[in-house]
C-alpha atoms as a PDB file:
ATOM      1  CA  MET A   1    -129.999 -79.459 -81.315  1.00  0.00           C
ATOM      2  CA  LYS A   2    -133.656 -79.576 -80.316  1.00  0.00           C
ATOM      3  CA  ILE A   3    -135.498 -78.102 -77.379  1.00  0.00           C
ATOM      4  CA  TYR A   4    -138.922 -79.364 -76.397  1.00  0.00           C
ATOM      5  CA  LEU A   5    -140.973 -76.818 -74.456  1.00  0.00           C
ATOM      6  CA  VAL A   6    -143.812 -78.376 -72.467  1.00  0.00           C
ATOM      7  CA  GLN A   7    -146.500 -76.571 -70.525  1.00  0.00           C
ATOM      8  CA  HIS A   8    -147.317 -78.578 -67.405  1.00  0.00           C
ATOM      9  CA  ALA A   9    -150.533 -80.567 -67.573  1.00  0.00           C
ATOM     10  CA  GLU A  10    -153.775 -79.509 -65.889  1.00  0.00           C
ATOM     11  CA  ALA A  11    -153.301 -78.888 -62.168  1.00  0.00           C
ATOM     12  CA  LYS A  12    -155.686 -78.911 -59.231  1.00  0.00           C
ATOM     13  CA  LYS A  13    -157.040 -75.657 -57.861  1.00  0.00           C
ATOM     14  CA  GLU A  14    -155.097 -74.210 -54.942  1.00  0.00           C
ATOM     15  CA  GLU A  15    -158.120 -74.665 -52.628  1.00  0.00           C
ATOM     16  CA  GLU A  16    -158.115 -78.397 -53.382  1.00  0.00           C
ATOM     17  CA  ASP A  17    -154.342 -78.877 -53.274  1.00  0.00           C
ATOM     18  CA  PRO A  18    -152.112 -76.000 -52.081  1.00  0.00           C
ATOM     19  CA  GLU A  19    -149.150 -77.519 -53.964  1.00  0.00           C
ATOM     20  CA  ARG A  20    -151.291 -77.801 -57.137  1.00  0.00           C
ATOM     21  CA  GLY A  21    -150.522 -81.349 -58.202  1.00  0.00           C
ATOM     22  CA  LEU A  22    -151.899 -82.727 -61.461  1.00  0.00           C
ATOM     23  CA  THR A  23    -155.554 -83.611 -61.959  1.00  0.00           C
ATOM     24  CA  GLU A  24    -156.663 -86.971 -63.366  1.00  0.00           C
ATOM     25  CA  LYS A  25    -157.374 -85.191 -66.666  1.00  0.00           C
ATOM     26  CA  GLY A  26    -153.861 -83.743 -66.608  1.00  0.00           C
ATOM     27  CA  ILE A  27    -152.350 -87.183 -66.115  1.00  0.00           C
ATOM     28  CA  LYS A  28    -154.536 -88.620 -68.901  1.00  0.00           C
ATOM     29  CA  ASP A  29    -153.471 -85.800 -71.250  1.00  0.00           C
ATOM     30  CA  LEU A  30    -149.812 -86.450 -70.473  1.00  0.00           C
ATOM     31  CA  LYS A  31    -150.223 -90.117 -71.264  1.00  0.00           C
ATOM     32  CA  LYS A  32    -151.422 -89.092 -74.740  1.00  0.00           C
ATOM     33  CA  ILE A  33    -148.373 -86.868 -75.174  1.00  0.00           C
ATOM     34  CA  GLY A  34    -146.127 -89.587 -73.715  1.00  0.00           C
ATOM     35  CA  ASN A  35    -147.383 -92.187 -76.182  1.00  0.00           C
ATOM     36  CA  PHE A  36    -146.870 -89.726 -79.026  1.00  0.00           C
ATOM     37  CA  ILE A  37    -143.285 -88.791 -78.131  1.00  0.00           C
ATOM     38  CA  GLN A  38    -142.369 -92.392 -77.313  1.00  0.00           C
ATOM     39  CA  LYS A  39    -143.094 -93.326 -80.942  1.00  0.00           C
ATOM     40  CA  LEU A  40    -140.782 -90.531 -82.137  1.00  0.00           C
ATOM     41  CA  ASN A  41    -137.824 -92.089 -80.299  1.00  0.00           C
ATOM     42  CA  LEU A  42    -136.577 -88.699 -79.067  1.00  0.00           C
ATOM     43  CA  LYS A  43    -132.938 -88.518 -77.981  1.00  0.00           C
ATOM     44  CA  VAL A  44    -133.355 -86.294 -74.934  1.00  0.00           C
ATOM     45  CA  SER A  45    -130.530 -86.059 -72.415  1.00  0.00           C
ATOM     46  CA  LYS A  46    -132.348 -84.202 -69.629  1.00  0.00           C
ATOM     47  CA  ILE A  47    -135.762 -82.918 -68.580  1.00  0.00           C
ATOM     48  CA  TYR A  48    -135.704 -79.622 -66.701  1.00  0.00           C
ATOM     49  CA  HIS A  49    -138.613 -78.285 -64.653  1.00  0.00           C
ATOM     50  CA  SER A  50    -139.392 -75.250 -62.510  1.00  0.00           C
ATOM     51  CA  GLY A  51    -139.589 -77.057 -59.178  1.00  0.00           C
ATOM     52  CA  LYS A  52    -143.326 -76.555 -58.821  1.00  0.00           C
ATOM     53  CA  LYS A  53    -145.191 -79.800 -58.125  1.00  0.00           C
ATOM     54  CA  ARG A  54    -147.229 -79.744 -61.353  1.00  0.00           C
ATOM     55  CA  ALA A  55    -144.106 -79.225 -63.483  1.00  0.00           C
ATOM     56  CA  ASN A  56    -142.151 -81.888 -61.607  1.00  0.00           C
ATOM     57  CA  GLN A  57    -144.990 -84.411 -61.997  1.00  0.00           C
ATOM     58  CA  THR A  58    -145.227 -83.601 -65.711  1.00  0.00           C
ATOM     59  CA  ALA A  59    -141.473 -84.134 -66.103  1.00  0.00           C
ATOM     60  CA  GLU A  60    -141.558 -87.438 -64.205  1.00  0.00           C
ATOM     61  CA  ILE A  61    -144.393 -88.802 -66.360  1.00  0.00           C
ATOM     62  CA  LEU A  62    -142.608 -87.836 -69.585  1.00  0.00           C
ATOM     63  CA  LYS A  63    -139.397 -89.409 -68.276  1.00  0.00           C
ATOM     64  CA  GLU A  64    -141.154 -92.773 -68.010  1.00  0.00           C
ATOM     65  CA  TYR A  65    -142.275 -92.665 -71.649  1.00  0.00           C
ATOM     66  CA  LEU A  66    -138.786 -91.723 -72.823  1.00  0.00           C
ATOM     67  CA  LYS A  67    -137.197 -94.374 -70.600  1.00  0.00           C
ATOM     68  CA  LEU A  68    -134.722 -91.918 -69.104  1.00  0.00           C
ATOM     69  CA  GLU A  69    -132.965 -92.543 -65.802  1.00  0.00           C
ATOM     70  CA  ASN A  70    -131.819 -89.822 -63.389  1.00  0.00           C
ATOM     71  CA  SER A  71    -132.643 -87.213 -65.967  1.00  0.00           C
ATOM     72  CA  VAL A  72    -135.159 -84.920 -64.273  1.00  0.00           C
ATOM     73  CA  GLU A  73    -133.745 -81.775 -62.718  1.00  0.00           C
ATOM     74  CA  LYS A  74    -135.019 -78.486 -61.313  1.00  0.00           C
ATOM     75  CA  ILE A  75    -133.602 -75.432 -63.065  1.00  0.00           C
ATOM     76  CA  ASP A  76    -133.957 -71.727 -62.324  1.00  0.00           C
ATOM     77  CA  GLY A  77    -135.392 -69.336 -64.884  1.00  0.00           C
ATOM     78  CA  ILE A  78    -138.632 -71.099 -65.860  1.00  0.00           C
ATOM     79  CA  ALA A  79    -141.050 -70.137 -63.107  1.00  0.00           C
ATOM     80  CA  PRO A  80    -144.268 -68.494 -64.359  1.00  0.00           C
ATOM     81  CA  MET A  81    -143.129 -64.888 -63.985  1.00  0.00           C
ATOM     82  CA  ASP A  82    -139.405 -65.339 -64.707  1.00  0.00           C
ATOM     83  CA  GLU A  83    -137.978 -63.332 -67.559  1.00  0.00           C
ATOM     84  CA  PRO A  84    -137.095 -65.549 -70.550  1.00  0.00           C
ATOM     85  CA  GLU A  85    -133.565 -64.170 -70.779  1.00  0.00           C
ATOM     86  CA  LEU A  86    -132.672 -66.183 -67.655  1.00  0.00           C
ATOM     87  CA  ILE A  87    -133.132 -69.541 -69.382  1.00  0.00           C
ATOM     88  CA  PHE A  88    -132.111 -68.170 -72.804  1.00  0.00           C
ATOM     89  CA  GLU A  89    -128.577 -67.618 -71.498  1.00  0.00           C
ATOM     90  CA  LYS A  90    -128.433 -71.189 -70.168  1.00  0.00           C
ATOM     91  CA  ILE A  91    -129.776 -72.679 -73.402  1.00  0.00           C
ATOM     92  CA  LYS A  92    -126.838 -71.174 -75.299  1.00  0.00           C
ATOM     93  CA  ASN A  93    -124.516 -73.532 -73.412  1.00  0.00           C
ATOM     94  CA  PHE A  94    -126.519 -76.708 -74.046  1.00  0.00           C
ATOM     95  CA  ASN A  95    -125.485 -78.966 -76.899  1.00  0.00           C
ATOM     96  CA  GLU A  96    -127.863 -81.893 -76.401  1.00  0.00           C
ATOM     97  CA  ASP A  97    -131.600 -82.221 -76.905  1.00  0.00           C
ATOM     98  CA  ILE A  98    -133.548 -81.259 -73.777  1.00  0.00           C
ATOM     99  CA  ILE A  99    -137.104 -80.861 -72.512  1.00  0.00           C
ATOM    100  CA  ILE A 100    -138.124 -77.834 -70.474  1.00  0.00           C
ATOM    101  CA  VAL A 101    -141.360 -78.202 -68.486  1.00  0.00           C
ATOM    102  CA  GLY A 102    -142.667 -74.833 -67.423  1.00  0.00           C
ATOM    103  CA  HIS A 103    -145.546 -72.407 -67.124  1.00  0.00           C
ATOM    104  CA  LEU A 104    -147.232 -69.495 -68.807  1.00  0.00           C
ATOM    105  CA  PRO A 105    -146.461 -66.736 -69.450  1.00  0.00           C
ATOM    106  CA  ASN A 106    -142.779 -67.732 -69.249  1.00  0.00           C
ATOM    107  CA  LEU A 107    -142.944 -70.524 -71.884  1.00  0.00           C
ATOM    108  CA  SER A 108    -144.657 -68.256 -74.373  1.00  0.00           C
ATOM    109  CA  LYS A 109    -141.957 -65.626 -73.892  1.00  0.00           C
ATOM    110  CA  ILE A 110    -139.145 -68.192 -74.178  1.00  0.00           C
ATOM    111  CA  SER A 111    -140.527 -69.569 -77.445  1.00  0.00           C
ATOM    112  CA  SER A 112    -141.058 -66.075 -78.854  1.00  0.00           C
ATOM    113  CA  LEU A 113    -137.546 -64.996 -77.888  1.00  0.00           C
ATOM    114  CA  LEU A 114    -135.983 -68.092 -79.462  1.00  0.00           C
ATOM    115  CA  ILE A 115    -138.023 -67.932 -82.683  1.00  0.00           C
ATOM    116  CA  SER A 116    -138.291 -64.197 -83.328  1.00  0.00           C
ATOM    117  CA  GLY A 117    -135.908 -62.503 -80.919  1.00  0.00           C
ATOM    118  CA  ASP A 118    -138.865 -60.612 -79.411  1.00  0.00           C
ATOM    119  CA  LYS A 119    -140.285 -62.015 -76.171  1.00  0.00           C
ATOM    120  CA  SER A 120    -143.370 -59.774 -76.333  1.00  0.00           C
ATOM    121  CA  LYS A 121    -144.832 -61.383 -79.485  1.00  0.00           C
ATOM    122  CA  GLU A 122    -147.040 -64.382 -78.763  1.00  0.00           C
ATOM    123  CA  ILE A 123    -146.107 -66.840 -81.493  1.00  0.00           C
ATOM    124  CA  ILE A 124    -147.158 -70.140 -79.913  1.00  0.00           C
ATOM    125  CA  SER A 125    -150.488 -70.621 -78.141  1.00  0.00           C
ATOM    126  CA  PHE A 126    -149.558 -73.140 -75.459  1.00  0.00           C
ATOM    127  CA  LYS A 127    -152.226 -75.277 -73.783  1.00  0.00           C
ATOM    128  CA  MET A 128    -151.802 -77.407 -70.673  1.00  0.00           C
ATOM    129  CA  GLY A 129    -149.878 -80.551 -71.564  1.00  0.00           C
ATOM    130  CA  SER A 130    -148.814 -79.276 -74.987  1.00  0.00           C
ATOM    131  CA  ILE A 131    -145.316 -79.758 -76.399  1.00  0.00           C
ATOM    132  CA  LEU A 132    -143.379 -77.596 -78.849  1.00  0.00           C
ATOM    133  CA  CYS A 133    -140.294 -78.860 -80.684  1.00  0.00           C
ATOM    134  CA  LEU A 134    -137.798 -76.169 -81.641  1.00  0.00           C
ATOM    135  CA  GLU A 135    -134.712 -76.963 -83.693  1.00  0.00           C
ATOM    136  CA  LYS A 136    -131.570 -74.862 -83.848  1.00  0.00           C
ATOM    137  CA  LYS A 137    -130.432 -73.948 -87.350  1.00  0.00           C
ATOM    138  CA  GLU A 138    -127.081 -72.175 -87.149  1.00  0.00           C
ATOM    139  CA  ASP A 139    -127.873 -68.942 -85.240  1.00  0.00           C
ATOM    140  CA  PHE A 140    -131.672 -69.183 -85.112  1.00  0.00           C
ATOM    141  CA  TRP A 141    -134.470 -71.496 -83.990  1.00  0.00           C
ATOM    142  CA  VAL A 142    -137.341 -72.876 -86.053  1.00  0.00           C
ATOM    143  CA  VAL A 143    -140.576 -74.625 -85.141  1.00  0.00           C
ATOM    144  CA  ASN A 144    -140.272 -78.299 -85.985  1.00  0.00           C
ATOM    145  CA  TRP A 145    -143.706 -79.327 -84.633  1.00  0.00           C
ATOM    146  CA  PHE A 146    -146.318 -78.537 -81.969  1.00  0.00           C
ATOM    147  CA  VAL A 147    -148.853 -80.923 -80.417  1.00  0.00           C
ATOM    148  CA  LYS A 148    -151.686 -80.446 -77.913  1.00  0.00           C
ATOM    149  CA  PRO A 149    -153.317 -83.366 -76.060  1.00  0.00           C
ATOM    150  CA  ASP A 150    -156.770 -82.638 -77.497  1.00  0.00           C
ATOM    151  CA  ILE A 151    -155.631 -83.366 -81.066  1.00  0.00           C
ATOM    152  CA  LEU A 152    -154.126 -86.756 -80.235  1.00  0.00           C
END
């Protein structure tokens, strides 16, 4: 099983857009990531997001590149300040590859908890629009790969 953790792409400032939708740069960055993951032919069953506009838009753009239908869903436990244990408990019940589109600091804590068992250690330095692939190996998770838009 694989989990892809994605930090939402660059969002507008709250003064410009109270709902904080994606900027043009954010959309452009996601297209880079989309082209990259499309070539990998990922077998993702669902894309989960926090419900915030920037995360939902990120999920919808990725869905188009993966050619998924009716596969984007809001899920609790991945808002910026949520504790990672909330989604960790849900992940235990998943048996298909999924994408989780979320926010910092929550994504950093989720990845640290999955990889090391300690949510307080920053192991992955997420950037807006970046994607981390974690793969489950028996009872633990390993980093398969990590990509940021600026290196594509």
